[in-house]
Amino acid sequence: MNAAVETDLNDLVSRIPNGAKLAVPKDTSGAAMAATRLLVRRGVRDLHLVCVPVGGLQADLLIGAGCVTTVETSAVSLGEFGPAPRFSDAVRRGTIKILDATCPAIYAGLQAAEKGLPFMPLRGIIGSDILAQRDDWRVIDNPFQPGDKIVALAAIRPDVALFHAALADRFGNVFIGRDRELMTLAHAARATLVTVEEISDDDLLDDDARSGATIPALYITALAHAVRGAAPLQFHDQYNDDEAVLGRYAALAQSHDGFLQFIAEWPGAEAMPISTIV
């Protein structure tokens, strides 16, 4: 089995090109925020952002920084901190394209790519208004029961999956615990980039207690050590939301100038080229 490349955070982020279809998990499932900060700093552009299945702070930061042209998601929200302000502003101004979806539809599209299929059928969308917004979805007859309608959803094949995990080993295997959607992401994407809290010398696939929740190195392109790599978001039982930072973001990001102020103050954002954020 080929080992993933163990690298530093800057190199990891450099592997995400302009125009990539970038898939990220929901904020509570390991958002790679340290990597996101560097993406904003670099000024990546024209991303097709797939939020699996919803977006939060990570998505709002990338949208506010002008990194995103298309968002495929079932929602973008800051949760208890309110609506996602830069996403909401971009929708009002029409500066991003929205591919509206549902949580099951996002997962179904990724599962199709995971299995090498062109589409995945899903029934629950029939009768909803969302079908009118997605001309790339098709209502077809069940081939085994004519007259029984199902929706065919095109496969979602990300160029890059990016997420944060608790642990990897020196062989490139990544432990994801209960966040099983990360396994689907890694299977579906052409490349998978991971930041981790810790790198162990032990082979995780030899550990009966953890091997079932470990993504084999075969599916990991590169990984980087990033302690508190999901902060200011909560990461399982290792650290909590930094409510002061999240509250300040929610307040400042109501305006573009306030968003720029937050980016300049964001820990680790030294030498951020503010002029590149439009």
C-alpha atoms as a PDB file:
ATOM      1  CA  MET A   1       0.000   0.000   0.000  1.00  0.00           C
ATOM      2  CA  ASN A   2       1.344   3.422  -0.927  1.00  0.00           C
ATOM      3  CA  ALA A   3       1.787   5.815   1.980  1.00  0.00           C
ATOM      4  CA  ALA A   4       0.326   9.307   1.799  1.00  0.00           C
ATOM      5  CA  VAL A   5       2.785  12.170   1.584  1.00  0.00           C
ATOM      6  CA  GLU A   6       3.503  13.695   4.993  1.00  0.00           C
ATOM      7  CA  THR A   7       4.153  17.375   4.404  1.00  0.00           C
ATOM      8  CA  ASP A   8       3.786  20.808   5.964  1.00  0.00           C
ATOM      9  CA  LEU A   9       0.669  22.925   5.958  1.00  0.00           C
ATOM     10  CA  ASN A  10       1.853  25.345   3.275  1.00  0.00           C
ATOM     11  CA  ASP A  11       2.636  22.539   0.852  1.00  0.00           C
ATOM     12  CA  LEU A  12      -0.663  20.827   1.628  1.00  0.00           C
ATOM     13  CA  VAL A  13      -2.641  23.954   0.766  1.00  0.00           C
ATOM     14  CA  SER A  14      -0.591  24.554  -2.397  1.00  0.00           C
ATOM     15  CA  ARG A  15      -2.085  21.330  -3.756  1.00  0.00           C
ATOM     16  CA  ILE A  16      -5.513  22.987  -4.080  1.00  0.00           C
ATOM     17  CA  PRO A  17      -5.504  24.799  -7.440  1.00  0.00           C
ATOM     18  CA  ASN A  18      -7.658  27.665  -8.626  1.00  0.00           C
ATOM     19  CA  GLY A  19     -10.894  26.360 -10.104  1.00  0.00           C
ATOM     20  CA  ALA A  20     -10.926  23.144  -8.067  1.00  0.00           C
ATOM     21  CA  LYS A  21     -14.113  21.427  -6.976  1.00  0.00           C
ATOM     22  CA  LEU A  22     -13.336  21.418  -3.251  1.00  0.00           C
ATOM     23  CA  ALA A  23     -15.401  19.295  -0.846  1.00  0.00           C
ATOM     24  CA  VAL A  24     -15.383  20.068   2.882  1.00  0.00           C
ATOM     25  CA  PRO A  25     -17.346  18.567   5.789  1.00  0.00           C
ATOM     26  CA  LYS A  26     -19.698  20.403   8.102  1.00  0.00           C
ATOM     27  CA  ASP A  27     -18.028  22.486  10.788  1.00  0.00           C
ATOM     28  CA  THR A  28     -18.668  19.850  13.476  1.00  0.00           C
ATOM     29  CA  SER A  29     -17.019  17.012  11.536  1.00  0.00           C
ATOM     30  CA  GLY A  30     -13.490  18.329  11.193  1.00  0.00           C
ATOM     31  CA  ALA A  31     -13.245  21.549   9.204  1.00  0.00           C
ATOM     32  CA  ALA A  32      -9.597  22.178   8.309  1.00  0.00           C
ATOM     33  CA  MET A  33      -9.544  25.776   9.513  1.00  0.00           C
ATOM     34  CA  ALA A  34      -5.762  26.215   9.676  1.00  0.00           C
ATOM     35  CA  ALA A  35      -5.603  25.153   6.043  1.00  0.00           C
ATOM     36  CA  THR A  36      -8.527  27.440   5.206  1.00  0.00           C
ATOM     37  CA  ARG A  37      -6.680  30.417   6.682  1.00  0.00           C
ATOM     38  CA  LEU A  38      -3.774  29.706   4.313  1.00  0.00           C
ATOM     39  CA  LEU A  39      -6.121  29.310   1.343  1.00  0.00           C
ATOM     40  CA  VAL A  40      -7.524  32.760   2.078  1.00  0.00           C
ATOM     41  CA  ARG A  41      -4.031  34.155   2.518  1.00  0.00           C
ATOM     42  CA  ARG A  42      -2.941  32.666  -0.804  1.00  0.00           C
ATOM     43  CA  GLY A  43      -5.948  34.137  -2.578  1.00  0.00           C
ATOM     44  CA  VAL A  44      -7.195  30.923  -4.211  1.00  0.00           C
ATOM     45  CA  ARG A  45      -9.930  31.681  -6.752  1.00  0.00           C
ATOM     46  CA  ASP A  46     -12.882  30.161  -8.633  1.00  0.00           C
ATOM     47  CA  LEU A  47     -13.515  27.282  -6.259  1.00  0.00           C
ATOM     48  CA  HIS A  48     -16.598  25.110  -6.675  1.00  0.00           C
ATOM     49  CA  LEU A  49     -17.258  24.511  -2.981  1.00  0.00           C
ATOM     50  CA  VAL A  50     -19.181  21.366  -2.040  1.00  0.00           C
ATOM     51  CA  CYS A  51     -20.395  21.528   1.569  1.00  0.00           C
ATOM     52  CA  VAL A  52     -20.989  18.043   2.954  1.00  0.00           C
ATOM     53  CA  PRO A  53     -23.814  18.408   3.571  1.00  0.00           C
ATOM     54  CA  VAL A  54     -23.935  21.965   5.001  1.00  0.00           C
ATOM     55  CA  GLY A  55     -21.502  24.851   5.276  1.00  0.00           C
ATOM     56  CA  GLY A  56     -20.647  27.110   8.190  1.00  0.00           C
ATOM     57  CA  LEU A  57     -17.775  29.357   9.205  1.00  0.00           C
ATOM     58  CA  GLN A  58     -15.312  27.712   6.814  1.00  0.00           C
ATOM     59  CA  ALA A  59     -17.590  28.235   3.827  1.00  0.00           C
ATOM     60  CA  ASP A  60     -18.453  31.800   4.840  1.00  0.00           C
ATOM     61  CA  LEU A  61     -14.773  32.745   5.140  1.00  0.00           C
ATOM     62  CA  LEU A  62     -13.930  31.348   1.711  1.00  0.00           C
ATOM     63  CA  ILE A  63     -16.920  33.084   0.147  1.00  0.00           C
ATOM     64  CA  GLY A  64     -16.172  36.389   1.868  1.00  0.00           C
ATOM     65  CA  ALA A  65     -12.567  36.257   0.690  1.00  0.00           C
ATOM     66  CA  GLY A  66     -13.665  35.904  -2.941  1.00  0.00           C
ATOM     67  CA  CYS A  67     -12.317  32.362  -3.245  1.00  0.00           C
ATOM     68  CA  VAL A  68     -15.601  30.773  -4.359  1.00  0.00           C
ATOM     69  CA  THR A  69     -17.692  31.111  -7.507  1.00  0.00           C
ATOM     70  CA  THR A  70     -20.053  28.134  -6.995  1.00  0.00           C
ATOM     71  CA  VAL A  71     -21.505  26.671  -3.803  1.00  0.00           C
ATOM     72  CA  GLU A  72     -23.186  23.258  -3.790  1.00  0.00           C
ATOM     73  CA  THR A  73     -24.901  22.782  -0.448  1.00  0.00           C
ATOM     74  CA  SER A  74     -28.097  22.231   1.464  1.00  0.00           C
ATOM     75  CA  ALA A  75     -27.443  25.231   3.751  1.00  0.00           C
ATOM     76  CA  VAL A  76     -24.814  27.686   4.965  1.00  0.00           C
ATOM     77  CA  SER A  77     -25.229  28.963   8.506  1.00  0.00           C
ATOM     78  CA  LEU A  78     -23.254  29.954  11.593  1.00  0.00           C
ATOM     79  CA  GLY A  79     -25.677  27.977  13.757  1.00  0.00           C
ATOM     80  CA  GLU A  80     -26.367  29.661  17.081  1.00  0.00           C
ATOM     81  CA  PHE A  81     -24.344  32.676  15.882  1.00  0.00           C
ATOM     82  CA  GLY A  82     -26.917  33.372  13.179  1.00  0.00           C
ATOM     83  CA  PRO A  83     -26.976  33.471   9.367  1.00  0.00           C
ATOM     84  CA  ALA A  84     -23.693  33.273   7.465  1.00  0.00           C
ATOM     85  CA  PRO A  85     -23.208  36.980   6.606  1.00  0.00           C
ATOM     86  CA  ARG A  86     -20.826  36.818   3.636  1.00  0.00           C
ATOM     87  CA  PHE A  87     -22.757  33.958   2.062  1.00  0.00           C
ATOM     88  CA  SER A  88     -26.009  35.890   2.492  1.00  0.00           C
ATOM     89  CA  ASP A  89     -24.453  39.020   0.989  1.00  0.00           C
ATOM     90  CA  ALA A  90     -23.046  37.087  -1.969  1.00  0.00           C
ATOM     91  CA  VAL A  91     -26.454  35.544  -2.668  1.00  0.00           C
ATOM     92  CA  ARG A  92     -28.144  38.954  -2.549  1.00  0.00           C
ATOM     93  CA  ARG A  93     -25.554  40.458  -4.896  1.00  0.00           C
ATOM     94  CA  GLY A  94     -25.528  37.454  -7.212  1.00  0.00           C
ATOM     95  CA  THR A  95     -21.748  37.043  -7.030  1.00  0.00           C
ATOM     96  CA  ILE A  96     -21.858  33.276  -6.474  1.00  0.00           C
ATOM     97  CA  LYS A  97     -23.758  30.506  -8.196  1.00  0.00           C
ATOM     98  CA  ILE A  98     -25.848  28.347  -5.878  1.00  0.00           C
ATOM     99  CA  LEU A  99     -26.461  24.666  -6.587  1.00  0.00           C
ATOM    100  CA  ASP A 100     -29.232  24.078  -4.085  1.00  0.00           C
ATOM    101  CA  ALA A 101     -29.430  20.586  -2.648  1.00  0.00           C
ATOM    102  CA  THR A 102     -30.596  18.570   0.333  1.00  0.00           C
ATOM    103  CA  CYS A 103     -28.443  16.664   2.813  1.00  0.00           C
ATOM    104  CA  PRO A 104     -29.415  13.252   1.359  1.00  0.00           C
ATOM    105  CA  ALA A 105     -28.784  14.561  -2.178  1.00  0.00           C
ATOM    106  CA  ILE A 106     -25.242  15.672  -1.317  1.00  0.00           C
ATOM    107  CA  TYR A 107     -24.458  12.309   0.225  1.00  0.00           C
ATOM    108  CA  ALA A 108     -26.069  10.427  -2.679  1.00  0.00           C
ATOM    109  CA  GLY A 109     -23.985  12.318  -5.254  1.00  0.00           C
ATOM    110  CA  LEU A 110     -20.795  11.522  -3.357  1.00  0.00           C
ATOM    111  CA  GLN A 111     -21.815   7.882  -2.967  1.00  0.00           C
ATOM    112  CA  ALA A 112     -22.274   7.648  -6.723  1.00  0.00           C
ATOM    113  CA  ALA A 113     -18.729   8.919  -7.266  1.00  0.00           C
ATOM    114  CA  GLU A 114     -17.461   6.610  -4.528  1.00  0.00           C
ATOM    115  CA  LYS A 115     -18.910   3.622  -6.408  1.00  0.00           C
ATOM    116  CA  GLY A 116     -17.820   4.835  -9.847  1.00  0.00           C
ATOM    117  CA  LEU A 117     -21.412   5.404 -10.963  1.00  0.00           C
ATOM    118  CA  PRO A 118     -22.665   8.290 -13.137  1.00  0.00           C
ATOM    119  CA  PHE A 119     -25.659   8.940 -10.896  1.00  0.00           C
ATOM    120  CA  MET A 120     -27.497   7.801  -7.783  1.00  0.00           C
ATOM    121  CA  PRO A 121     -31.298   7.460  -7.522  1.00  0.00           C
ATOM    122  CA  LEU A 122     -33.144   9.232  -4.716  1.00  0.00           C
ATOM    123  CA  ARG A 123     -36.864   9.319  -4.099  1.00  0.00           C
ATOM    124  CA  GLY A 124     -37.441  11.879  -1.337  1.00  0.00           C
ATOM    125  CA  ILE A 125     -36.956  14.990  -3.507  1.00  0.00           C
ATOM    126  CA  ILE A 126     -40.024  14.276  -5.670  1.00  0.00           C
ATOM    127  CA  GLY A 127     -42.713  16.881  -5.043  1.00  0.00           C
ATOM    128  CA  SER A 128     -40.308  19.489  -3.703  1.00  0.00           C
ATOM    129  CA  ASP A 129     -39.560  22.888  -5.224  1.00  0.00           C
ATOM    130  CA  ILE A 130     -35.867  22.115  -5.407  1.00  0.00           C
ATOM    131  CA  LEU A 131     -36.276  20.096  -8.604  1.00  0.00           C
ATOM    132  CA  ALA A 132     -37.099  23.301 -10.466  1.00  0.00           C
ATOM    133  CA  GLN A 133     -33.723  24.728  -9.403  1.00  0.00           C
ATOM    134  CA  ARG A 134     -31.596  21.799 -10.575  1.00  0.00           C
ATOM    135  CA  ASP A 135     -31.680  21.188 -14.322  1.00  0.00           C
ATOM    136  CA  ASP A 136     -28.873  18.647 -13.872  1.00  0.00           C
ATOM    137  CA  TRP A 137     -31.196  16.292 -11.949  1.00  0.00           C
ATOM    138  CA  ARG A 138     -33.606  14.046 -13.838  1.00  0.00           C
ATOM    139  CA  VAL A 139     -36.929  12.471 -12.864  1.00  0.00           C
ATOM    140  CA  ILE A 140     -36.962   9.036 -14.485  1.00  0.00           C
ATOM    141  CA  ASP A 141     -38.980   5.835 -14.383  1.00  0.00           C
ATOM    142  CA  ASN A 142     -37.813   3.111 -12.077  1.00  0.00           C
ATOM    143  CA  PRO A 143     -36.505   0.611 -14.688  1.00  0.00           C
ATOM    144  CA  PHE A 144     -37.881  -2.270 -12.619  1.00  0.00           C
ATOM    145  CA  GLN A 145     -41.335  -0.732 -12.162  1.00  0.00           C
ATOM    146  CA  PRO A 146     -42.537   1.522 -15.003  1.00  0.00           C
ATOM    147  CA  GLY A 147     -44.538   4.481 -13.750  1.00  0.00           C
ATOM    148  CA  ASP A 148     -42.681   4.576 -10.428  1.00  0.00           C
ATOM    149  CA  LYS A 149     -40.744   7.859 -10.453  1.00  0.00           C
ATOM    150  CA  ILE A 150     -37.316   8.403  -8.961  1.00  0.00           C
ATOM    151  CA  VAL A 151     -34.770  11.225  -9.249  1.00  0.00           C
ATOM    152  CA  ALA A 152     -31.375  10.561 -10.821  1.00  0.00           C
ATOM    153  CA  LEU A 153     -28.704  12.738  -9.189  1.00  0.00           C
ATOM    154  CA  ALA A 154     -25.418  13.237 -11.018  1.00  0.00           C
ATOM    155  CA  ALA A 155     -22.332  11.955  -9.227  1.00  0.00           C
ATOM    156  CA  ILE A 156     -20.378  14.546  -7.234  1.00  0.00           C
ATOM    157  CA  ARG A 157     -16.701  13.921  -7.929  1.00  0.00           C
ATOM    158  CA  PRO A 158     -14.587  16.472  -6.018  1.00  0.00           C
ATOM    159  CA  ASP A 159     -11.146  17.344  -7.298  1.00  0.00           C
ATOM    160  CA  VAL A 160     -10.047  17.698  -3.676  1.00  0.00           C
ATOM    161  CA  ALA A 161     -11.479  16.693  -0.315  1.00  0.00           C
ATOM    162  CA  LEU A 162     -10.098  18.690   2.614  1.00  0.00           C
ATOM    163  CA  PHE A 163     -10.708  17.931   6.275  1.00  0.00           C
ATOM    164  CA  HIS A 164      -9.186  17.777   9.762  1.00  0.00           C
ATOM    165  CA  ALA A 165      -8.846  14.547  11.769  1.00  0.00           C
ATOM    166  CA  ALA A 166      -7.651  13.551  15.192  1.00  0.00           C
ATOM    167  CA  LEU A 167      -4.923  11.112  14.262  1.00  0.00           C
ATOM    168  CA  ALA A 168      -2.833   9.709  11.431  1.00  0.00           C
ATOM    169  CA  ASP A 169       0.075   7.298  11.407  1.00  0.00           C
ATOM    170  CA  ARG A 170       3.439   7.430   9.659  1.00  0.00           C
ATOM    171  CA  PHE A 171       2.055   5.139   6.960  1.00  0.00           C
ATOM    172  CA  GLY A 172      -0.571   7.712   5.937  1.00  0.00           C
ATOM    173  CA  ASN A 173      -3.649   6.018   7.435  1.00  0.00           C
ATOM    174  CA  VAL A 174      -6.103   8.484   9.005  1.00  0.00           C
ATOM    175  CA  PHE A 175      -8.395   7.775  11.964  1.00  0.00           C
ATOM    176  CA  ILE A 176     -11.784   9.518  11.615  1.00  0.00           C
ATOM    177  CA  GLY A 177     -13.765   8.055  14.512  1.00  0.00           C
ATOM    178  CA  ARG A 178     -17.510   8.490  14.154  1.00  0.00           C
ATOM    179  CA  ASP A 179     -17.335  10.967  11.244  1.00  0.00           C
ATOM    180  CA  ARG A 180     -18.051   8.318   8.644  1.00  0.00           C
ATOM    181  CA  GLU A 181     -18.876  10.825   5.907  1.00  0.00           C
ATOM    182  CA  LEU A 182     -15.144  11.556   5.749  1.00  0.00           C
ATOM    183  CA  MET A 183     -14.636   8.022   4.476  1.00  0.00           C
ATOM    184  CA  THR A 184     -17.143   8.689   1.699  1.00  0.00           C
ATOM    185  CA  LEU A 185     -15.394  11.976   0.896  1.00  0.00           C
ATOM    186  CA  ALA A 186     -12.010  10.300   0.602  1.00  0.00           C
ATOM    187  CA  HIS A 187     -13.423   7.546  -1.617  1.00  0.00           C
ATOM    188  CA  ALA A 188     -15.219  10.010  -3.898  1.00  0.00           C
ATOM    189  CA  ALA A 189     -12.500  12.648  -4.369  1.00  0.00           C
ATOM    190  CA  ARG A 190      -9.649  12.574  -6.837  1.00  0.00           C
ATOM    191  CA  ALA A 191      -7.305  13.820  -4.095  1.00  0.00           C
ATOM    192  CA  THR A 192      -7.722  13.901  -0.320  1.00  0.00           C
ATOM    193  CA  LEU A 193      -5.784  16.350   1.852  1.00  0.00           C
ATOM    194  CA  VAL A 194      -5.926  16.011   5.626  1.00  0.00           C
ATOM    195  CA  THR A 195      -4.653  17.988   8.601  1.00  0.00           C
ATOM    196  CA  VAL A 196      -4.329  16.069  11.861  1.00  0.00           C
ATOM    197  CA  GLU A 197      -3.902  16.783  15.556  1.00  0.00           C
ATOM    198  CA  GLU A 198      -1.373  14.001  16.038  1.00  0.00           C
ATOM    199  CA  ILE A 199       0.792  11.609  14.010  1.00  0.00           C
ATOM    200  CA  SER A 200       1.516   8.227  15.564  1.00  0.00           C
ATOM    201  CA  ASP A 201       4.307   5.766  14.866  1.00  0.00           C
ATOM    202  CA  ASP A 202       1.839   2.889  15.320  1.00  0.00           C
ATOM    203  CA  ASP A 203       0.028   1.388  12.334  1.00  0.00           C
ATOM    204  CA  LEU A 204      -3.646   2.260  12.838  1.00  0.00           C
ATOM    205  CA  LEU A 205      -4.786  -0.585  10.608  1.00  0.00           C
ATOM    206  CA  ASP A 206      -3.200  -3.046  13.031  1.00  0.00           C
ATOM    207  CA  ASP A 207      -5.287  -1.653  15.901  1.00  0.00           C
ATOM    208  CA  ASP A 208      -8.538  -3.629  16.218  1.00  0.00           C
ATOM    209  CA  ALA A 209     -10.169  -0.808  18.183  1.00  0.00           C
ATOM    210  CA  ARG A 210      -9.488   1.846  15.542  1.00  0.00           C
ATOM    211  CA  SER A 211      -8.965   0.126  12.193  1.00  0.00           C
ATOM    212  CA  GLY A 212     -12.686   0.109  11.330  1.00  0.00           C
ATOM    213  CA  ALA A 213     -12.786   3.908  11.585  1.00  0.00           C
ATOM    214  CA  THR A 214      -9.523   4.483   9.722  1.00  0.00           C
ATOM    215  CA  ILE A 215      -9.168   5.625   6.119  1.00  0.00           C
ATOM    216  CA  PRO A 216      -6.365   3.604   4.501  1.00  0.00           C
ATOM    217  CA  ALA A 217      -3.436   5.549   3.059  1.00  0.00           C
ATOM    218  CA  LEU A 218      -4.524   4.403  -0.400  1.00  0.00           C
ATOM    219  CA  TYR A 219      -7.182   7.133  -0.301  1.00  0.00           C
ATOM    220  CA  ILE A 220      -5.052   9.881   1.289  1.00  0.00           C
ATOM    221  CA  THR A 221      -2.968  12.090  -1.003  1.00  0.00           C
ATOM    222  CA  ALA A 222      -1.152  14.146   1.627  1.00  0.00           C
ATOM    223  CA  LEU A 223      -1.418  15.012   5.293  1.00  0.00           C
ATOM    224  CA  ALA A 224       0.028  17.687   7.554  1.00  0.00           C
ATOM    225  CA  HIS A 225       0.387  17.995  11.304  1.00  0.00           C
ATOM    226  CA  ALA A 226      -1.703  20.928  12.568  1.00  0.00           C
ATOM    227  CA  VAL A 227      -2.358  21.096  16.305  1.00  0.00           C
ATOM    228  CA  ARG A 228      -5.750  22.777  16.921  1.00  0.00           C
ATOM    229  CA  GLY A 229      -6.207  22.676  13.180  1.00  0.00           C
ATOM    230  CA  ALA A 230     -10.002  23.051  13.436  1.00  0.00           C
ATOM    231  CA  ALA A 231      -9.950  26.075  15.795  1.00  0.00           C
ATOM    232  CA  PRO A 232     -11.819  28.325  16.407  1.00  0.00           C
ATOM    233  CA  LEU A 233     -14.381  25.565  15.856  1.00  0.00           C
ATOM    234  CA  GLN A 234     -14.991  22.767  18.306  1.00  0.00           C
ATOM    235  CA  PHE A 235     -13.196  19.510  17.587  1.00  0.00           C
ATOM    236  CA  HIS A 236     -14.919  16.607  19.299  1.00  0.00           C
ATOM    237  CA  ASP A 237     -13.827  16.372  22.949  1.00  0.00           C
ATOM    238  CA  GLN A 238     -10.383  17.857  22.343  1.00  0.00           C
ATOM    239  CA  TYR A 239     -11.367  21.540  22.384  1.00  0.00           C
ATOM    240  CA  ASN A 240     -14.505  23.660  22.331  1.00  0.00           C
ATOM    241  CA  ASP A 241     -15.774  26.440  20.100  1.00  0.00           C
ATOM    242  CA  ASP A 242     -13.975  29.714  20.756  1.00  0.00           C
ATOM    243  CA  GLU A 243     -17.200  31.602  21.288  1.00  0.00           C
ATOM    244  CA  ALA A 244     -15.449  34.959  21.547  1.00  0.00           C
ATOM    245  CA  VAL A 245     -13.880  34.531  18.107  1.00  0.00           C
ATOM    246  CA  LEU A 246     -17.067  33.171  16.537  1.00  0.00           C
ATOM    247  CA  GLY A 247     -19.173  35.953  18.022  1.00  0.00           C
ATOM    248  CA  ARG A 248     -16.730  38.586  16.826  1.00  0.00           C
ATOM    249  CA  TYR A 249     -16.788  37.111  13.337  1.00  0.00           C
ATOM    250  CA  ALA A 250     -20.586  37.089  13.248  1.00  0.00           C
ATOM    251  CA  ALA A 251     -20.630  40.765  14.221  1.00  0.00           C
ATOM    252  CA  LEU A 252     -17.780  42.058  12.055  1.00  0.00           C
ATOM    253  CA  ALA A 253     -18.618  40.075   8.915  1.00  0.00           C
ATOM    254  CA  GLN A 254     -21.954  41.855   8.519  1.00  0.00           C
ATOM    255  CA  SER A 255     -19.975  44.273   6.316  1.00  0.00           C
ATOM    256  CA  HIS A 256     -17.142  43.709   3.864  1.00  0.00           C
ATOM    257  CA  ASP A 257     -14.893  46.119   5.751  1.00  0.00           C
ATOM    258  CA  GLY A 258     -15.635  44.323   9.000  1.00  0.00           C
ATOM    259  CA  PHE A 259     -14.837  41.012   7.334  1.00  0.00           C
ATOM    260  CA  LEU A 260     -11.444  42.391   6.251  1.00  0.00           C
ATOM    261  CA  GLN A 261     -10.840  43.529   9.830  1.00  0.00           C
ATOM    262  CA  PHE A 262     -11.542  40.019  11.129  1.00  0.00           C
ATOM    263  CA  ILE A 263      -9.207  38.469   8.546  1.00  0.00           C
ATOM    264  CA  ALA A 264      -6.428  40.873   9.571  1.00  0.00           C
ATOM    265  CA  GLU A 265      -6.936  39.977  13.239  1.00  0.00           C
ATOM    266  CA  TRP A 266      -7.430  36.223  12.719  1.00  0.00           C
ATOM    267  CA  PRO A 267      -4.759  34.362  14.718  1.00  0.00           C
ATOM    268  CA  GLY A 268      -2.045  33.182  12.380  1.00  0.00           C
ATOM    269  CA  ALA A 269      -3.030  35.696   9.711  1.00  0.00           C
ATOM    270  CA  GLU A 270       0.162  37.719   9.863  1.00  0.00           C
ATOM    271  CA  ALA A 271       1.059  39.315   6.540  1.00  0.00           C
ATOM    272  CA  MET A 272      -2.375  38.516   5.125  1.00  0.00           C
ATOM    273  CA  PRO A 273      -2.537  40.326   1.749  1.00  0.00           C
ATOM    274  CA  ILE A 274      -5.786  42.141   2.443  1.00  0.00           C
ATOM    275  CA  SER A 275      -5.640  43.870  -0.948  1.00  0.00           C
ATOM    276  CA  THR A 276      -6.221  40.516  -2.671  1.00  0.00           C
ATOM    277  CA  ILE A 277      -9.629  40.079  -1.011  1.00  0.00           C
ATOM    278  CA  VAL A 278     -12.282  41.650  -3.170  1.00  0.00           C
END
